Amino acid sequence: MERHVGIIIRDELRKQGYTNKWLADQIGVTVRQLQRFFNDPSIISAGQLLDISMALGIDLFYSYSKALNFQETDPPRRHNP
């Protein structure tokens, strides 16, 4: 079973030795809001996920894009028959 992105963020934050306050300041949210992300990743916007990815230097979109399983190298597009 894969860990959800909130747990990945929390674990990566600890691994890199940063505090919740540091990351919250980096992405412009409160510590309380950041802690909510750990438990309920459905409340993280795409923009916030990008900000977190950039702050931590990791690709948090990877597991989502991998699940799409598109074969193209450019941004995926829906093919209409």
N, C-alpha and C. Protein backbone atom coordinates (compact mmCIF):
# COMPACT_ATOMS: atom_id res chain seq x y z
N MET A 1 0.84 -1.19 0.00
CA MET A 1 0.00 0.00 0.00
C MET A 1 0.88 1.25 0.00
N GLU A 2 0.59 2.16 -0.93
CA GLU A 2 1.38 3.38 -1.02
C GLU A 2 0.97 4.37 0.06
N ARG A 3 1.95 5.11 0.55
CA ARG A 3 1.67 6.18 1.50
C ARG A 3 1.05 7.35 0.76
N HIS A 4 0.10 8.03 1.40
CA HIS A 4 -0.47 9.19 0.74
C HIS A 4 0.49 10.37 0.85
N VAL A 5 0.28 11.36 0.00
CA VAL A 5 1.22 12.45 -0.15
C VAL A 5 1.43 13.25 1.15
N GLY A 6 0.41 13.33 1.99
CA GLY A 6 0.58 14.04 3.27
C GLY A 6 1.64 13.38 4.14
N ILE A 7 1.64 12.06 4.16
CA ILE A 7 2.64 11.30 4.95
C ILE A 7 4.02 11.43 4.30
N ILE A 8 4.06 11.41 2.98
CA ILE A 8 5.34 11.58 2.28
C ILE A 8 5.94 12.94 2.61
N ILE A 9 5.12 13.98 2.60
CA ILE A 9 5.59 15.33 2.94
C ILE A 9 6.12 15.35 4.37
N ARG A 10 5.33 14.83 5.31
CA ARG A 10 5.75 14.83 6.71
C ARG A 10 7.07 14.07 6.89
N ASP A 11 7.18 12.89 6.28
CA ASP A 11 8.40 12.09 6.42
C ASP A 11 9.60 12.76 5.78
N GLU A 12 9.40 13.37 4.61
CA GLU A 12 10.50 14.06 3.94
C GLU A 12 10.95 15.27 4.73
N LEU A 13 10.02 15.98 5.30
CA LEU A 13 10.34 17.13 6.14
C LEU A 13 11.24 16.71 7.30
N ARG A 14 10.87 15.64 7.96
CA ARG A 14 11.68 15.13 9.09
C ARG A 14 13.05 14.65 8.61
N LYS A 15 13.05 13.91 7.48
CA LYS A 15 14.29 13.37 6.92
C LYS A 15 15.29 14.48 6.62
N GLN A 16 14.79 15.60 6.11
CA GLN A 16 15.67 16.71 5.76
C GLN A 16 15.99 17.60 6.96
N GLY A 17 15.38 17.34 8.11
CA GLY A 17 15.70 18.07 9.33
C GLY A 17 15.02 19.42 9.46
N TYR A 18 13.97 19.64 8.66
CA TYR A 18 13.24 20.90 8.75
C TYR A 18 12.08 20.79 9.72
N THR A 19 11.65 21.92 10.23
CA THR A 19 10.50 21.96 11.13
C THR A 19 9.22 22.25 10.34
N ASN A 20 8.10 21.97 10.98
CA ASN A 20 6.81 22.31 10.38
C ASN A 20 6.72 23.81 10.12
N LYS A 21 7.23 24.60 11.06
CA LYS A 21 7.20 26.06 10.92
C LYS A 21 7.99 26.50 9.70
N TRP A 22 9.15 25.90 9.47
CA TRP A 22 9.97 26.26 8.32
C TRP A 22 9.19 26.04 7.03
N LEU A 23 8.59 24.86 6.86
CA LEU A 23 7.86 24.57 5.63
C LEU A 23 6.62 25.45 5.50
N ALA A 24 5.91 25.64 6.60
CA ALA A 24 4.73 26.51 6.56
C ALA A 24 5.12 27.91 6.09
N ASP A 25 6.23 28.43 6.60
CA ASP A 25 6.70 29.75 6.17
C ASP A 25 7.09 29.75 4.70
N GLN A 26 7.71 28.68 4.23
CA GLN A 26 8.13 28.58 2.83
C GLN A 26 6.96 28.62 1.87
N ILE A 27 5.84 28.01 2.27
CA ILE A 27 4.71 27.90 1.34
C ILE A 27 3.56 28.85 1.67
N GLY A 28 3.71 29.64 2.73
CA GLY A 28 2.72 30.67 3.05
C GLY A 28 1.43 30.17 3.68
N VAL A 29 1.55 29.15 4.54
CA VAL A 29 0.39 28.67 5.30
C VAL A 29 0.75 28.66 6.78
N THR A 30 -0.24 28.45 7.62
CA THR A 30 0.04 28.33 9.05
C THR A 30 0.53 26.92 9.36
N VAL A 31 1.16 26.76 10.49
CA VAL A 31 1.60 25.44 10.93
C VAL A 31 0.39 24.52 11.09
N ARG A 32 -0.68 25.07 11.60
CA ARG A 32 -1.91 24.26 11.77
C ARG A 32 -2.42 23.74 10.42
N GLN A 33 -2.41 24.61 9.41
CA GLN A 33 -2.84 24.19 8.07
C GLN A 33 -1.91 23.11 7.53
N LEU A 34 -0.61 23.28 7.69
CA LEU A 34 0.35 22.28 7.23
C LEU A 34 0.09 20.93 7.89
N GLN A 35 -0.17 20.94 9.19
CA GLN A 35 -0.45 19.69 9.90
C GLN A 35 -1.72 19.03 9.37
N ARG A 36 -2.68 19.83 8.93
CA ARG A 36 -3.90 19.27 8.33
C ARG A 36 -3.56 18.57 7.01
N PHE A 37 -2.59 19.09 6.27
CA PHE A 37 -2.15 18.45 5.02
C PHE A 37 -1.65 17.04 5.28
N PHE A 38 -0.94 16.86 6.41
CA PHE A 38 -0.39 15.54 6.73
C PHE A 38 -1.50 14.50 6.87
N ASN A 39 -2.61 14.91 7.44
CA ASN A 39 -3.71 13.98 7.70
C ASN A 39 -4.73 13.88 6.57
N ASP A 40 -4.89 14.96 5.81
CA ASP A 40 -5.90 14.99 4.76
C ASP A 40 -5.32 15.65 3.51
N PRO A 41 -4.59 14.89 2.70
CA PRO A 41 -3.95 15.48 1.53
C PRO A 41 -4.93 15.99 0.48
N SER A 42 -6.19 15.64 0.60
CA SER A 42 -7.17 16.10 -0.39
C SER A 42 -7.38 17.62 -0.31
N ILE A 43 -6.93 18.24 0.77
CA ILE A 43 -7.11 19.69 0.91
C ILE A 43 -5.91 20.48 0.36
N ILE A 44 -4.88 19.79 -0.12
CA ILE A 44 -3.72 20.47 -0.69
C ILE A 44 -4.03 20.81 -2.15
N SER A 45 -3.91 22.08 -2.49
CA SER A 45 -4.13 22.48 -3.89
C SER A 45 -2.91 22.09 -4.73
N ALA A 46 -3.09 22.07 -6.04
CA ALA A 46 -1.97 21.77 -6.94
C ALA A 46 -0.86 22.80 -6.76
N GLY A 47 -1.23 24.07 -6.59
CA GLY A 47 -0.24 25.11 -6.37
C GLY A 47 0.55 24.91 -5.09
N GLN A 48 -0.15 24.52 -4.03
CA GLN A 48 0.53 24.26 -2.76
C GLN A 48 1.45 23.04 -2.88
N LEU A 49 0.99 22.02 -3.61
CA LEU A 49 1.82 20.84 -3.79
C LEU A 49 3.08 21.19 -4.57
N LEU A 50 2.96 22.08 -5.55
CA LEU A 50 4.12 22.56 -6.29
C LEU A 50 5.06 23.32 -5.37
N ASP A 51 4.51 24.21 -4.54
CA ASP A 51 5.33 24.98 -3.59
C ASP A 51 6.08 24.05 -2.63
N ILE A 52 5.40 23.04 -2.14
CA ILE A 52 6.03 22.08 -1.21
C ILE A 52 7.12 21.30 -1.94
N SER A 53 6.84 20.87 -3.16
CA SER A 53 7.83 20.14 -3.97
C SER A 53 9.09 20.99 -4.14
N MET A 54 8.89 22.26 -4.46
CA MET A 54 10.04 23.14 -4.67
C MET A 54 10.80 23.39 -3.38
N ALA A 55 10.08 23.59 -2.28
CA ALA A 55 10.74 23.86 -0.99
C ALA A 55 11.57 22.65 -0.54
N LEU A 56 11.03 21.45 -0.74
CA LEU A 56 11.72 20.25 -0.28
C LEU A 56 12.64 19.64 -1.34
N GLY A 57 12.53 20.13 -2.57
CA GLY A 57 13.38 19.61 -3.64
C GLY A 57 13.04 18.20 -4.06
N ILE A 58 11.75 17.84 -4.01
CA ILE A 58 11.32 16.51 -4.43
C ILE A 58 10.08 16.62 -5.32
N ASP A 59 9.88 15.62 -6.16
CA ASP A 59 8.74 15.60 -7.07
C ASP A 59 7.57 14.89 -6.41
N LEU A 60 6.68 15.66 -5.81
CA LEU A 60 5.51 15.08 -5.16
C LEU A 60 4.40 14.75 -6.15
N PHE A 61 4.56 15.15 -7.39
CA PHE A 61 3.57 14.83 -8.43
C PHE A 61 3.82 13.46 -9.05
N TYR A 62 4.99 12.90 -8.81
CA TYR A 62 5.39 11.67 -9.47
C TYR A 62 4.38 10.54 -9.31
N SER A 63 3.95 10.30 -8.09
CA SER A 63 3.04 9.17 -7.88
C SER A 63 1.70 9.40 -8.58
N TYR A 64 1.29 10.66 -8.68
CA TYR A 64 0.04 10.97 -9.38
C TYR A 64 0.21 10.79 -10.88
N SER A 65 1.29 11.34 -11.44
CA SER A 65 1.48 11.24 -12.88
C SER A 65 1.78 9.80 -13.30
N LYS A 66 2.45 9.06 -12.46
CA LYS A 66 2.71 7.65 -12.75
C LYS A 66 1.40 6.87 -12.84
N ALA A 67 0.45 7.22 -12.02
CA ALA A 67 -0.84 6.54 -12.02
C ALA A 67 -1.63 6.78 -13.31
N LEU A 68 -1.34 7.90 -14.00
CA LEU A 68 -2.04 8.20 -15.25
C LEU A 68 -1.60 7.28 -16.39
N ASN A 69 -0.35 6.85 -16.35
CA ASN A 69 0.18 5.89 -17.31
C ASN A 69 0.06 6.35 -18.76
N PHE A 70 0.28 7.64 -19.01
CA PHE A 70 0.28 8.14 -20.38
C PHE A 70 1.60 7.75 -21.05
N GLN A 71 1.58 7.59 -22.35
CA GLN A 71 2.76 7.18 -23.09
C GLN A 71 3.49 8.35 -23.76
N GLU A 72 2.94 9.54 -23.68
CA GLU A 72 3.52 10.70 -24.35
C GLU A 72 4.59 11.36 -23.49
N THR A 73 5.51 12.08 -24.14
CA THR A 73 6.53 12.80 -23.39
C THR A 73 6.12 14.25 -23.16
N ASP A 74 5.27 14.79 -24.06
CA ASP A 74 4.74 16.14 -23.87
C ASP A 74 3.57 16.05 -22.89
N PRO A 75 3.06 17.19 -22.45
CA PRO A 75 1.91 17.14 -21.53
C PRO A 75 0.80 16.27 -22.13
N PRO A 76 0.29 15.34 -21.36
CA PRO A 76 -0.74 14.43 -21.84
C PRO A 76 -2.00 15.17 -22.29
N ARG A 77 -2.59 14.66 -23.34
CA ARG A 77 -3.83 15.20 -23.85
C ARG A 77 -4.81 14.05 -24.04
N ARG A 78 -6.05 14.34 -23.86
CA ARG A 78 -7.08 13.32 -24.13
C ARG A 78 -7.20 13.18 -25.64
N HIS A 79 -7.34 11.97 -26.08
CA HIS A 79 -7.54 11.70 -27.51
C HIS A 79 -9.00 11.42 -27.73
N ASN A 80 -9.63 12.23 -28.55
CA ASN A 80 -11.03 12.02 -28.89
C ASN A 80 -11.12 11.17 -30.14
N PRO A 81 -11.94 10.13 -30.13
CA PRO A 81 -12.05 9.27 -31.33
C PRO A 81 -12.71 9.98 -32.48
